[in-house]
N, C-alpha and C. Protein backbone atom coordinates (compact mmCIF):
# COMPACT_ATOMS: atom_id res chain seq x y z
N MET A 1 73.28 250.63 97.56
CA MET A 1 74.50 250.43 97.97
C MET A 1 74.73 250.08 99.69
N ALA A 2 73.65 250.48 100.23
CA ALA A 2 73.53 250.25 101.67
C ALA A 2 73.36 248.67 101.67
N HIS A 3 72.35 248.20 100.77
CA HIS A 3 72.28 246.82 100.68
C HIS A 3 73.67 245.78 100.77
N ASN A 4 74.29 246.45 99.71
CA ASN A 4 75.50 245.67 99.69
C ASN A 4 76.35 245.87 100.88
N GLN A 5 76.56 247.06 101.19
CA GLN A 5 77.48 247.30 102.45
C GLN A 5 76.92 246.14 103.59
N ASN A 6 75.54 246.06 103.64
CA ASN A 6 75.18 245.17 104.95
C ASN A 6 75.34 243.76 104.49
N MET A 7 75.39 243.41 103.20
CA MET A 7 75.71 242.22 102.98
C MET A 7 77.01 241.69 103.05
N MET A 8 78.01 242.68 102.86
CA MET A 8 79.18 242.41 103.13
C MET A 8 79.71 242.30 104.48
N GLN A 9 79.00 243.16 105.34
CA GLN A 9 79.23 243.14 107.04
C GLN A 9 78.73 241.52 107.62
N ARG A 10 77.79 241.33 106.92
CA ARG A 10 77.12 240.08 107.37
C ARG A 10 77.86 238.83 107.00
N ASN A 11 78.49 238.81 105.71
CA ASN A 11 79.26 237.78 105.26
C ASN A 11 80.80 237.90 105.34
N ALA A 12 81.27 238.83 105.73
CA ALA A 12 82.79 239.05 105.62
C ALA A 12 83.56 237.86 106.12
N LYS A 13 83.36 237.14 107.28
CA LYS A 13 83.94 236.03 107.87
C LYS A 13 83.60 235.01 107.17
N LYS A 14 82.69 234.79 106.51
CA LYS A 14 82.50 233.68 105.53
C LYS A 14 83.12 233.97 104.33
N TRP A 15 82.86 234.94 103.57
CA TRP A 15 83.47 235.23 102.35
C TRP A 15 84.90 235.46 102.12
N GLY A 16 85.54 236.06 103.50
CA GLY A 16 86.82 236.46 103.15
C GLY A 16 87.27 237.40 102.44
N PRO A 17 88.38 237.04 101.77
CA PRO A 17 89.14 238.36 100.83
C PRO A 17 88.53 237.95 99.33
N GLU A 18 87.79 236.82 99.38
CA GLU A 18 87.52 236.20 97.94
C GLU A 18 86.26 237.03 97.24
N VAL A 19 85.44 237.81 98.18
CA VAL A 19 84.52 238.70 97.39
C VAL A 19 84.82 240.34 97.79
N LYS A 20 84.58 240.87 96.69
CA LYS A 20 84.86 242.24 96.70
C LYS A 20 83.51 243.04 96.00
N PHE A 21 82.95 243.77 96.57
CA PHE A 21 82.21 244.83 95.99
C PHE A 21 82.77 245.96 95.51
N ILE A 22 83.00 246.33 94.05
CA ILE A 22 83.51 247.27 93.51
C ILE A 22 82.61 248.20 92.78
N CYS A 23 82.64 249.61 93.45
CA CYS A 23 81.72 250.45 92.86
C CYS A 23 82.32 251.55 91.86
N ILE A 24 81.76 251.57 91.14
CA ILE A 24 82.34 252.51 90.00
C ILE A 24 81.35 253.76 89.82
N SER A 25 81.43 254.89 90.18
CA SER A 25 80.60 256.02 90.00
C SER A 25 81.11 257.00 88.81
N CYS A 26 79.86 257.71 88.18
CA CYS A 26 80.39 258.45 87.16
C CYS A 26 79.96 259.78 87.89
N ASP A 27 80.02 260.01 88.89
CA ASP A 27 79.52 261.35 89.50
C ASP A 27 80.55 262.24 89.03
N ALA A 28 80.15 263.54 88.58
CA ALA A 28 80.93 264.79 88.34
C ALA A 28 81.89 265.12 89.58
N ASP A 29 81.58 265.25 90.90
CA ASP A 29 81.96 265.99 91.74
C ASP A 29 82.49 264.56 92.73
N SER A 30 83.39 264.24 92.82
CA SER A 30 84.33 263.00 93.22
C SER A 30 84.14 263.53 94.93
N LYS A 31 84.74 264.51 95.27
CA LYS A 31 84.76 264.85 96.53
C LYS A 31 83.36 264.61 97.37
N LYS A 32 82.39 265.27 96.63
CA LYS A 32 81.13 265.26 97.09
C LYS A 32 80.71 263.70 97.40
N LEU A 33 80.77 263.04 96.47
CA LEU A 33 80.40 261.37 96.49
C LEU A 33 81.22 260.85 97.39
N MET A 34 82.42 260.95 97.77
CA MET A 34 83.26 260.20 98.71
C MET A 34 82.84 260.79 100.05
N ASP A 35 82.59 262.02 100.34
CA ASP A 35 81.98 262.65 101.38
C ASP A 35 80.73 261.86 101.76
N HIS A 36 79.79 261.56 100.87
CA HIS A 36 78.65 260.84 101.01
C HIS A 36 79.05 259.34 101.42
N ILE A 37 79.78 258.80 100.88
CA ILE A 37 80.24 257.60 101.06
C ILE A 37 80.65 257.26 102.58
N ASN A 38 81.51 258.20 102.66
CA ASN A 38 82.05 258.19 104.23
C ASN A 38 81.28 258.54 105.14
N ALA A 39 80.11 259.37 104.75
CA ALA A 39 79.31 259.73 105.86
C ALA A 39 78.25 258.44 106.11
N LYS A 40 78.03 257.81 105.20
CA LYS A 40 77.02 256.62 105.32
C LYS A 40 77.85 255.45 105.85
N ASN A 41 79.25 255.37 105.97
CA ASN A 41 80.09 254.42 106.47
C ASN A 41 80.05 253.21 105.51
N TRP A 42 79.99 253.20 104.22
CA TRP A 42 80.02 252.28 103.21
C TRP A 42 81.41 251.76 103.19
N THR A 43 82.03 251.33 104.25
CA THR A 43 83.50 251.11 104.00
C THR A 43 84.08 249.57 103.61
N ASN A 44 82.94 248.61 103.41
CA ASN A 44 83.31 247.34 103.16
C ASN A 44 83.14 247.25 101.70
N LEU A 45 83.05 248.32 100.78
CA LEU A 45 82.84 248.37 99.33
C LEU A 45 84.17 249.11 98.81
N GLU A 46 84.53 248.68 97.79
CA GLU A 46 85.60 249.60 97.08
C GLU A 46 85.08 250.48 95.77
N HIS A 47 85.70 251.80 96.43
CA HIS A 47 84.86 252.78 95.49
C HIS A 47 86.03 253.63 94.40
N TYR A 48 85.60 253.59 93.15
CA TYR A 48 86.38 254.31 92.31
C TYR A 48 85.39 254.96 91.65
N VAL A 49 86.17 256.62 90.94
CA VAL A 49 85.25 257.36 90.43
C VAL A 49 85.82 257.37 89.05
N GLN A 50 84.63 257.59 87.94
CA GLN A 50 85.09 257.52 86.48
C GLN A 50 84.63 258.83 86.11
N THR A 51 85.05 259.95 85.97
CA THR A 51 84.77 261.12 85.50
C THR A 51 84.16 260.93 84.04
N ASP A 52 84.69 260.22 83.18
CA ASP A 52 84.13 260.01 81.92
C ASP A 52 82.75 259.09 81.69
N GLN A 53 81.56 259.88 81.68
CA GLN A 53 80.58 259.27 81.75
C GLN A 53 80.11 258.05 80.98
N ARG A 54 80.83 258.30 79.85
CA ARG A 54 80.78 257.36 78.78
C ARG A 54 81.57 255.93 78.92
N LEU A 55 82.66 256.08 79.79
CA LEU A 55 83.12 254.89 79.78
C LEU A 55 82.64 253.58 80.42
N PRO A 56 81.92 253.63 81.50
CA PRO A 56 81.33 252.57 81.92
C PRO A 56 80.23 251.76 80.88
N SER A 57 79.70 252.63 80.32
CA SER A 57 78.79 252.13 79.21
C SER A 57 79.33 251.46 78.06
N LYS A 58 80.79 252.29 77.88
CA LYS A 58 81.55 251.36 76.58
C LYS A 58 82.28 250.12 77.16
N THR A 59 82.85 250.47 78.11
CA THR A 59 83.90 249.36 78.64
C THR A 59 83.10 248.19 79.24
N PHE A 60 81.98 248.43 79.89
CA PHE A 60 81.62 247.47 80.72
C PHE A 60 80.09 246.92 80.26
N SER A 61 79.82 247.68 79.15
CA SER A 61 78.17 247.26 78.64
C SER A 61 77.03 247.74 79.63
N VAL A 62 77.38 248.74 80.28
CA VAL A 62 76.14 249.00 81.42
C VAL A 62 75.12 249.69 80.72
N ARG A 63 73.92 249.15 80.92
CA ARG A 63 72.77 249.83 80.27
C ARG A 63 72.08 250.67 81.02
N GLY A 64 71.94 250.22 82.44
CA GLY A 64 71.30 251.02 83.26
C GLY A 64 71.79 250.96 84.74
N ILE A 65 71.30 251.57 85.78
CA ILE A 65 71.86 251.60 87.02
C ILE A 65 70.67 251.45 87.83
N PRO A 66 71.04 250.62 88.72
CA PRO A 66 72.15 249.96 89.22
C PRO A 66 72.82 248.71 88.26
N HIS A 67 74.16 248.39 88.03
CA HIS A 67 74.36 247.36 87.31
C HIS A 67 75.29 246.64 88.14
N VAL A 68 75.28 245.14 88.05
CA VAL A 68 75.89 244.35 88.89
C VAL A 68 76.75 243.37 87.76
N MET A 69 78.04 243.11 88.02
CA MET A 69 78.66 241.95 87.35
C MET A 69 78.99 240.90 88.54
N LEU A 70 78.87 239.63 88.28
CA LEU A 70 79.30 238.73 89.20
C LEU A 70 80.62 237.81 88.25
N VAL A 71 81.64 237.76 88.82
CA VAL A 71 82.93 237.10 88.37
C VAL A 71 82.96 235.88 89.19
N ASP A 72 83.37 234.94 88.45
CA ASP A 72 83.76 233.54 89.31
C ASP A 72 85.12 233.72 89.53
N LYS A 73 85.63 232.67 90.25
CA LYS A 73 87.05 232.40 90.70
C LYS A 73 88.20 232.43 89.45
N LYS A 74 87.45 232.04 88.14
CA LYS A 74 88.40 231.96 87.27
C LYS A 74 88.51 233.17 86.54
N GLY A 75 87.54 234.47 86.99
CA GLY A 75 87.62 235.52 86.49
C GLY A 75 87.01 235.97 85.13
N GLU A 76 85.89 234.85 85.08
CA GLU A 76 84.91 234.97 84.19
C GLU A 76 83.73 235.29 84.54
N VAL A 77 82.81 236.41 83.78
CA VAL A 77 81.54 237.10 84.23
C VAL A 77 80.61 236.13 83.74
N VAL A 78 79.83 235.61 84.93
CA VAL A 78 78.96 234.80 84.84
C VAL A 78 77.71 235.45 84.80
N PHE A 79 77.56 236.85 85.26
CA PHE A 79 76.54 237.66 85.05
C PHE A 79 76.55 239.03 85.09
N LYS A 80 75.80 239.78 84.30
CA LYS A 80 75.98 241.18 84.26
C LYS A 80 74.53 241.80 83.91
N GLY A 81 74.21 242.65 84.39
CA GLY A 81 72.85 243.42 84.44
C GLY A 81 72.22 243.89 85.59
N SER A 82 71.07 244.05 85.67
CA SER A 82 70.48 244.76 87.04
C SER A 82 70.65 243.63 88.09
N PRO A 83 70.79 244.17 89.11
CA PRO A 83 70.60 243.21 90.42
C PRO A 83 69.49 242.73 90.69
N TYR A 84 68.52 243.58 90.42
CA TYR A 84 67.08 243.11 90.51
C TYR A 84 66.52 241.95 89.81
N ALA A 85 67.40 241.68 88.67
CA ALA A 85 67.09 240.60 88.08
C ALA A 85 67.50 239.23 88.65
N ARG A 86 68.28 239.14 89.60
CA ARG A 86 68.63 238.16 90.28
C ARG A 86 67.40 237.75 91.68
N LYS A 87 67.39 236.69 91.75
CA LYS A 87 66.36 236.44 92.96
C LYS A 87 66.75 236.67 94.15
N ASP A 88 68.04 236.17 94.31
CA ASP A 88 68.85 236.24 95.73
C ASP A 88 70.42 236.46 95.45
N LEU A 89 70.67 237.74 95.19
CA LEU A 89 72.20 238.01 94.99
C LEU A 89 73.23 237.33 96.09
N GLU A 90 72.73 237.37 97.28
CA GLU A 90 73.63 236.90 98.07
C GLU A 90 73.70 235.28 98.11
N LYS A 91 72.83 234.41 97.83
CA LYS A 91 72.95 233.17 97.41
C LYS A 91 73.91 233.04 96.30
N ASP A 92 73.60 233.68 95.16
CA ASP A 92 74.40 233.78 94.01
C ASP A 92 75.85 233.86 94.37
N ILE A 93 76.24 234.74 95.24
CA ILE A 93 77.85 234.91 95.67
C ILE A 93 78.11 233.64 96.51
N PHE A 94 77.31 233.17 97.34
CA PHE A 94 77.65 232.13 98.02
C PHE A 94 78.23 230.80 97.09
N ARG A 95 77.21 230.83 95.76
CA ARG A 95 77.36 229.64 95.14
C ARG A 95 78.76 229.79 94.43
N LEU A 96 79.14 230.93 94.17
CA LEU A 96 80.41 231.50 93.29
C LEU A 96 81.54 230.95 94.31
N VAL A 97 81.43 231.36 95.54
CA VAL A 97 82.59 231.36 96.73
C VAL A 97 82.81 229.91 96.85
N ASN A 98 81.66 228.79 96.91
CA ASN A 98 81.99 227.76 97.03
C ASN A 98 81.85 226.71 95.60
N ASP A 99 82.13 227.43 94.47
CA ASP A 99 82.44 226.72 93.07
C ASP A 99 81.52 226.03 92.74
N GLN A 100 80.08 226.46 92.94
CA GLN A 100 78.66 225.67 92.53
C GLN A 100 78.21 226.16 91.32
């Protein structure tokens, strides 16, 4: 999560409002989670809490954590899976922003 926050801070002016990091958590204690997020100052990321822990795996086909989905400007999912499967996630995002 810290890596994503840093990436957003570093590139906010270049990416503008076109790039969003949406974080979905299945933590049972949403207040504790939000306290942690605020303490870490992960404010450039959008955070949502899903209390039904089965929903992300059913709805988004999440098979492991962390999980990332890259969506192009047309709204099409161009990648989903482990962010570690990408050589350079930041370059992937730049390519999508520039329609490459």
